Amino acid sequence: MSAETTATRPPATLYGAVALVVLQAVAVTVLAAALVYADFTASATDLRLAAGVTVFALAIAAWLGAVAWGLLRRRPGVRGPGLALELMITAPAFFMINGGMPAAGWAVMGSALAVIGLVLAPATTRWLGWRERA
């Protein structure tokens, strides 16, 4: 490790990425809680699909939490799955923008793109221990 990766203080870009990912995880957890309530009040014909959507939302919330934790723990292997998840989040954001919820869609899209930029920032990359190719 070089002197840049052994610094005692993480870069602001890392803190920004972690804060946004935690915010996303909280938002998806709140959404999942609303879905759990809807599952319990749904008719029997809708229950299987509703439960699947709820489990998916809970899995995304857990994945976001794991990404935030991994970034804080300086785990370079969390960067790839985190970026993949953020790219996945941009697809529903696009459909939200075009489907009648533009404010929410732009908020989701903006947060996903901001996390991608912050995680790929050179300071975050060095902090996570990734080395530049020669």
Protein backbone atom coordinates (compact mmCIF):
# COMPACT_ATOMS: atom_id res chain seq x y z
CA MET A 1 0.00 0.00 0.00
CA SER A 2 1.18 3.45 -0.78
CA ALA A 3 1.19 6.41 1.57
CA GLU A 4 -2.07 7.59 0.02
CA THR A 5 -3.93 4.41 1.00
CA THR A 6 -2.60 4.34 4.53
CA ALA A 7 -3.94 7.76 5.47
CA THR A 8 -5.77 7.81 8.78
CA ARG A 9 -8.79 9.73 7.54
CA PRO A 10 -11.10 8.46 4.79
CA PRO A 11 -11.80 10.87 1.93
CA ALA A 12 -14.94 12.98 1.81
CA THR A 13 -16.00 11.14 -1.34
CA LEU A 14 -16.23 7.91 0.65
CA TYR A 15 -18.32 9.56 3.35
CA GLY A 16 -20.60 11.02 0.69
CA ALA A 17 -21.07 7.66 -0.99
CA VAL A 18 -21.78 5.92 2.31
CA ALA A 19 -24.26 8.60 3.35
CA LEU A 20 -26.17 8.32 0.08
CA VAL A 21 -26.19 4.51 0.18
CA VAL A 22 -27.47 4.57 3.77
CA LEU A 23 -30.17 7.04 2.72
CA GLN A 24 -31.14 4.72 -0.13
CA ALA A 25 -31.23 1.73 2.24
CA VAL A 26 -33.50 3.60 4.65
CA ALA A 27 -35.82 4.65 1.82
CA VAL A 28 -36.09 1.10 0.49
CA THR A 29 -36.65 -0.22 4.02
CA VAL A 30 -39.54 2.22 4.49
CA LEU A 31 -40.91 1.12 1.13
CA ALA A 32 -40.57 -2.53 2.19
CA ALA A 33 -42.42 -1.81 5.45
CA ALA A 34 -45.27 -0.28 3.44
CA LEU A 35 -45.25 -3.34 1.20
CA VAL A 36 -45.43 -5.67 4.22
CA TYR A 37 -48.49 -3.78 5.40
CA ALA A 38 -50.01 -4.00 1.93
CA ASP A 39 -49.25 -7.74 1.86
CA PHE A 40 -51.18 -8.33 5.05
CA THR A 41 -54.17 -6.39 3.74
CA ALA A 42 -54.11 -7.85 0.19
CA SER A 43 -56.58 -10.35 -1.16
CA ALA A 44 -55.50 -13.97 -1.40
CA THR A 45 -55.13 -13.83 -5.19
CA ASP A 46 -52.54 -11.06 -5.01
CA LEU A 47 -50.55 -12.44 -2.10
CA ARG A 48 -47.94 -14.49 -3.96
CA LEU A 49 -46.89 -11.65 -6.27
CA ALA A 50 -47.05 -9.13 -3.43
CA ALA A 51 -44.83 -11.30 -1.23
CA GLY A 52 -42.29 -11.63 -4.05
CA VAL A 53 -42.08 -7.88 -4.52
CA THR A 54 -41.73 -7.39 -0.76
CA VAL A 55 -38.93 -9.95 -0.48
CA PHE A 56 -37.15 -8.30 -3.42
CA ALA A 57 -37.39 -4.88 -1.74
CA LEU A 58 -36.03 -6.33 1.52
CA ALA A 59 -33.15 -7.95 -0.39
CA ILE A 60 -32.28 -4.63 -2.07
CA ALA A 61 -32.35 -2.87 1.32
CA ALA A 62 -30.03 -5.51 2.79
CA TRP A 63 -27.71 -5.27 -0.22
CA LEU A 64 -27.54 -1.50 0.12
CA GLY A 65 -26.76 -1.86 3.84
CA ALA A 66 -24.02 -4.38 3.07
CA VAL A 67 -22.50 -2.03 0.49
CA ALA A 68 -22.45 0.85 2.98
CA TRP A 69 -20.91 -1.36 5.66
CA GLY A 70 -18.31 -2.72 3.25
CA LEU A 71 -17.30 0.75 2.12
CA LEU A 72 -16.90 1.88 5.71
CA ARG A 73 -14.85 -1.24 6.50
CA ARG A 74 -12.57 -0.49 3.54
CA ARG A 75 -13.44 -3.62 1.59
CA PRO A 76 -12.40 -3.13 -2.05
CA GLY A 77 -14.50 -6.11 -3.18
CA VAL A 78 -17.72 -4.28 -2.32
CA ARG A 79 -17.17 -1.69 -5.01
CA GLY A 80 -18.23 -3.89 -7.94
CA PRO A 81 -21.47 -5.20 -6.41
CA GLY A 82 -22.27 -1.71 -5.17
CA LEU A 83 -21.82 -0.22 -8.63
CA ALA A 84 -23.92 -3.02 -10.16
CA LEU A 85 -26.72 -2.31 -7.70
CA GLU A 86 -26.61 1.41 -8.40
CA LEU A 87 -26.80 0.71 -12.13
CA MET A 88 -29.81 -1.54 -11.48
CA ILE A 89 -31.47 1.28 -9.56
CA THR A 90 -31.24 3.59 -12.57
CA ALA A 91 -33.65 1.42 -14.61
CA PRO A 92 -36.69 1.84 -12.32
CA ALA A 93 -35.77 5.51 -11.92
CA PHE A 94 -36.03 5.93 -15.69
CA PHE A 95 -39.47 4.34 -15.68
CA MET A 96 -40.53 6.49 -12.74
CA ILE A 97 -39.51 9.61 -14.68
CA ASN A 98 -41.47 8.53 -17.75
CA GLY A 99 -44.34 6.93 -15.86
CA GLY A 100 -45.80 9.86 -14.01
CA MET A 101 -43.50 10.23 -10.99
CA PRO A 102 -40.74 12.46 -12.36
CA ALA A 103 -39.72 14.08 -9.06
CA ALA A 104 -39.20 10.74 -7.33
CA GLY A 105 -37.55 9.29 -10.44
CA TRP A 106 -35.05 12.13 -10.72
CA ALA A 107 -34.26 11.84 -7.01
CA VAL A 108 -33.58 8.11 -7.35
CA MET A 109 -31.60 8.58 -10.56
CA GLY A 110 -29.58 11.44 -9.07
CA SER A 111 -28.70 9.51 -5.94
CA ALA A 112 -27.65 6.43 -7.94
CA LEU A 113 -25.48 8.44 -10.32
CA ALA A 114 -23.97 10.40 -7.42
CA VAL A 115 -23.03 7.17 -5.63
CA ILE A 116 -21.48 5.82 -8.82
CA GLY A 117 -19.43 9.00 -9.23
CA LEU A 118 -18.35 9.08 -5.60
CA VAL A 119 -17.35 5.41 -5.52
CA LEU A 120 -15.37 5.77 -8.74
CA ALA A 121 -13.69 8.99 -7.57
CA PRO A 122 -9.90 8.67 -7.46
CA ALA A 123 -9.75 9.42 -3.72
CA THR A 124 -12.24 6.65 -2.91
CA THR A 125 -10.50 4.27 -5.28
CA ARG A 126 -7.14 4.88 -3.58
CA TRP A 127 -8.69 4.58 -0.11
CA LEU A 128 -10.16 1.19 -1.01
CA GLY A 129 -6.71 0.03 -2.10
CA TRP A 130 -7.26 -0.23 -5.83
CA ARG A 131 -4.09 0.41 -7.76
CA GLU A 132 -3.82 2.28 -11.00
CA ARG A 133 -2.64 0.30 -13.98
CA ALA A 134 0.80 1.13 -15.24
